[in-house]
Amino acid sequence: MKIAGPLTLALVLAGCAFPYAGRNLPQGTPMAEVEATMGKPKETIVDSAGYTVWFYPSAPNGRTTWAARFMPDGRLLNVEQRLTKENIARVQPGVTTQKQVHELFGPPYLAYPLPLLPFQEWDYRTLVDNRYFDYLVRFSDDGVVREAYLLHDPIYDVGAKGN
């Protein structure tokens, strides 16, 4: 059995698409080139401003969601990491809607009804101040955020048992 050499390995890796690589793409890049660089998005939406947005979540193991936003002519407007503490601060209970949360963060890692409570909860895995969190957003039946909070699991802390 022959093992691939370094050049073959480099060519294979170069052919792989990585969402993180999209952050350096210039504004105006065509969709096809964005897809060649970032890969196929997990989800595509047209947001309330009329922009097409491609989402690249990295959960369950990762803690990022990259979003590529396109102008109506199909050219790239920007690529940004959406799961940030600045964006989390934009979610206001009693004001922000489920549609707005979806447009901001993309698809949740998990979405489920809460037993014994009249809420649906969305779970986004994120990294805030170099610590692992689950960002939990609870919606009432009318599609409005009722609660939103960061839940830290200390098992991920450096020096915790098992790390």
Protein backbone atom coordinates (compact mmCIF):
# COMPACT_ATOMS: atom_id res chain seq x y z
CA MET A 1 0.00 0.00 0.00
CA LYS A 2 1.41 3.36 -1.04
CA ILE A 3 0.99 6.30 1.35
CA ALA A 4 0.28 9.72 -0.14
CA GLY A 5 3.19 12.13 -0.16
CA PRO A 6 3.21 15.66 1.21
CA LEU A 7 2.40 17.21 -2.18
CA THR A 8 -0.68 15.00 -2.62
CA LEU A 9 -1.84 15.83 0.90
CA ALA A 10 -1.37 19.56 0.29
CA LEU A 11 -3.41 19.37 -2.93
CA VAL A 12 -6.22 17.49 -1.19
CA LEU A 13 -6.31 20.03 1.65
CA ALA A 14 -6.20 22.94 -0.78
CA GLY A 15 -9.26 21.52 -2.51
CA CYS A 16 -11.27 21.51 0.72
CA ALA A 17 -13.49 24.48 1.45
CA PHE A 18 -13.43 26.15 4.86
CA PRO A 19 -16.00 28.75 5.96
CA TYR A 20 -13.36 30.61 8.00
CA ALA A 21 -11.39 31.23 4.80
CA GLY A 22 -14.25 33.37 3.50
CA ARG A 23 -13.49 36.19 5.93
CA ASN A 24 -10.76 37.43 3.58
CA LEU A 25 -12.86 37.47 0.42
CA PRO A 26 -13.26 40.97 -1.04
CA GLN A 27 -16.62 42.65 -1.42
CA GLY A 28 -18.03 41.94 -4.88
CA THR A 29 -16.81 38.32 -5.07
CA PRO A 30 -19.29 36.22 -7.13
CA MET A 31 -21.37 33.55 -5.36
CA ALA A 32 -19.64 30.72 -7.22
CA GLU A 33 -16.24 31.83 -5.94
CA VAL A 34 -17.59 32.22 -2.39
CA GLU A 35 -18.95 28.67 -2.54
CA ALA A 36 -15.64 27.38 -3.91
CA THR A 37 -13.85 28.98 -0.94
CA MET A 38 -16.35 28.41 1.87
CA GLY A 39 -18.19 25.31 0.69
CA LYS A 40 -21.90 24.67 0.41
CA PRO A 41 -23.85 26.55 3.10
CA LYS A 42 -25.94 24.65 5.63
CA GLU A 43 -28.78 27.10 5.14
CA THR A 44 -29.68 29.94 2.79
CA ILE A 45 -32.23 32.68 3.54
CA VAL A 46 -33.28 36.03 2.15
CA ASP A 47 -33.32 38.40 5.13
CA SER A 48 -35.81 41.20 5.79
CA ALA A 49 -33.48 43.71 4.07
CA GLY A 50 -33.55 41.62 0.87
CA TYR A 51 -30.01 40.23 1.12
CA THR A 52 -29.29 36.56 0.49
CA VAL A 53 -27.44 35.10 3.48
CA TRP A 54 -25.56 31.81 3.54
CA PHE A 55 -24.97 30.30 7.00
CA TYR A 56 -22.07 28.05 7.97
CA PRO A 57 -22.55 26.85 11.57
CA SER A 58 -19.75 24.74 13.08
CA ALA A 59 -21.75 23.14 15.94
CA PRO A 60 -21.77 20.68 17.62
CA ASN A 61 -17.99 20.70 18.00
CA GLY A 62 -17.37 24.28 16.92
CA ARG A 63 -18.65 27.51 18.42
CA THR A 64 -19.02 29.74 15.36
CA THR A 65 -21.54 30.55 12.68
CA TRP A 66 -20.12 32.33 9.67
CA ALA A 67 -22.54 34.23 7.43
CA ALA A 68 -21.87 35.30 3.85
CA ARG A 69 -24.23 38.10 2.84
CA PHE A 70 -24.87 38.87 -0.82
CA MET A 71 -26.19 41.93 -2.60
CA PRO A 72 -29.23 41.46 -4.86
CA ASP A 73 -26.93 41.10 -7.90
CA GLY A 74 -25.35 37.97 -6.34
CA ARG A 75 -22.06 39.57 -5.35
CA LEU A 76 -20.63 39.30 -1.86
CA LEU A 77 -21.31 42.13 0.56
CA ASN A 78 -19.46 40.68 3.56
CA VAL A 79 -18.54 37.58 5.56
CA GLU A 80 -18.79 37.73 9.33
CA GLN A 81 -18.89 35.59 12.43
CA ARG A 82 -22.41 35.96 13.82
CA LEU A 83 -22.13 34.29 17.25
CA THR A 84 -20.53 37.23 19.04
CA LYS A 85 -21.28 38.86 22.38
CA GLU A 86 -22.14 42.07 20.48
CA ASN A 87 -24.83 40.25 18.50
CA ILE A 88 -26.03 38.39 21.59
CA ALA A 89 -26.58 41.79 23.26
CA ARG A 90 -28.92 42.77 20.40
CA VAL A 91 -31.47 40.12 21.43
CA GLN A 92 -34.02 41.76 23.73
CA PRO A 93 -36.70 39.73 25.57
CA GLY A 94 -40.19 40.98 24.79
CA VAL A 95 -38.98 42.76 21.65
CA THR A 96 -36.87 40.52 19.38
CA THR A 97 -38.71 37.96 17.25
CA GLN A 98 -37.83 34.41 16.30
CA LYS A 99 -37.40 35.57 12.69
CA GLN A 100 -34.92 38.25 13.77
CA VAL A 101 -32.92 35.75 15.84
CA HIS A 102 -32.83 33.38 12.87
CA GLU A 103 -31.67 36.15 10.53
CA LEU A 104 -28.98 37.17 13.00
CA PHE A 105 -27.56 33.79 14.06
CA GLY A 106 -28.79 31.35 11.45
CA PRO A 107 -30.01 27.86 12.28
CA PRO A 108 -29.67 26.82 15.92
CA TYR A 109 -27.60 23.82 16.94
CA LEU A 110 -30.73 22.43 18.63
CA ALA A 111 -34.38 23.54 18.72
CA TYR A 112 -36.89 21.88 21.02
CA PRO A 113 -40.06 22.47 23.05
CA LEU A 114 -39.61 22.78 26.80
CA PRO A 115 -41.54 20.24 28.87
CA LEU A 116 -44.05 21.86 31.25
CA LEU A 117 -43.31 25.35 29.88
CA PRO A 118 -45.04 27.12 26.98
CA PHE A 119 -41.76 27.87 25.21
CA GLN A 120 -39.62 26.63 22.38
CA GLU A 121 -35.88 26.89 23.04
CA TRP A 122 -33.07 27.37 20.56
CA ASP A 123 -29.52 26.45 21.52
CA TYR A 124 -26.50 28.07 19.91
CA ARG A 125 -23.02 26.95 20.95
CA THR A 126 -20.68 29.91 21.24
CA LEU A 127 -17.38 31.17 22.60
CA VAL A 128 -17.49 34.35 24.70
CA ASP A 129 -14.38 35.80 26.30
CA ASN A 130 -12.54 32.54 25.57
CA ARG A 131 -15.08 30.44 27.50
CA TYR A 132 -17.53 27.89 26.11
CA PHE A 133 -21.23 28.65 26.44
CA ASP A 134 -24.58 27.58 25.16
CA TYR A 135 -26.64 30.61 24.23
CA LEU A 136 -30.24 29.67 24.94
CA VAL A 137 -33.14 31.65 23.49
CA ARG A 138 -36.72 30.90 24.57
CA PHE A 139 -39.69 31.88 22.41
CA SER A 140 -43.37 32.00 23.30
CA ASP A 141 -46.04 30.79 20.90
CA ASP A 142 -46.30 34.28 19.36
CA GLY A 143 -42.67 34.01 18.19
CA VAL A 144 -41.26 36.63 20.58
CA VAL A 145 -38.13 36.10 22.69
CA ARG A 146 -39.13 35.70 26.34
CA GLU A 147 -35.73 34.73 27.77
CA ALA A 148 -32.18 34.65 26.43
CA TYR A 149 -29.09 33.77 28.40
CA LEU A 150 -25.61 32.30 28.26
CA LEU A 151 -25.20 29.00 30.08
CA HIS A 152 -21.62 28.17 30.97
CA ASP A 153 -20.55 24.58 31.52
CA PRO A 154 -17.43 24.53 33.71
CA ILE A 155 -16.45 21.10 32.36
CA TYR A 156 -14.91 22.99 29.43
CA ASP A 157 -12.68 25.16 31.64
CA VAL A 158 -8.95 24.52 31.45
CA GLY A 159 -7.92 22.40 34.40
CA ALA A 160 -11.40 20.92 34.87
CA LYS A 161 -11.57 17.22 35.55
CA GLY A 162 -11.08 15.40 32.27
CA ASN A 163 -9.24 18.26 30.51
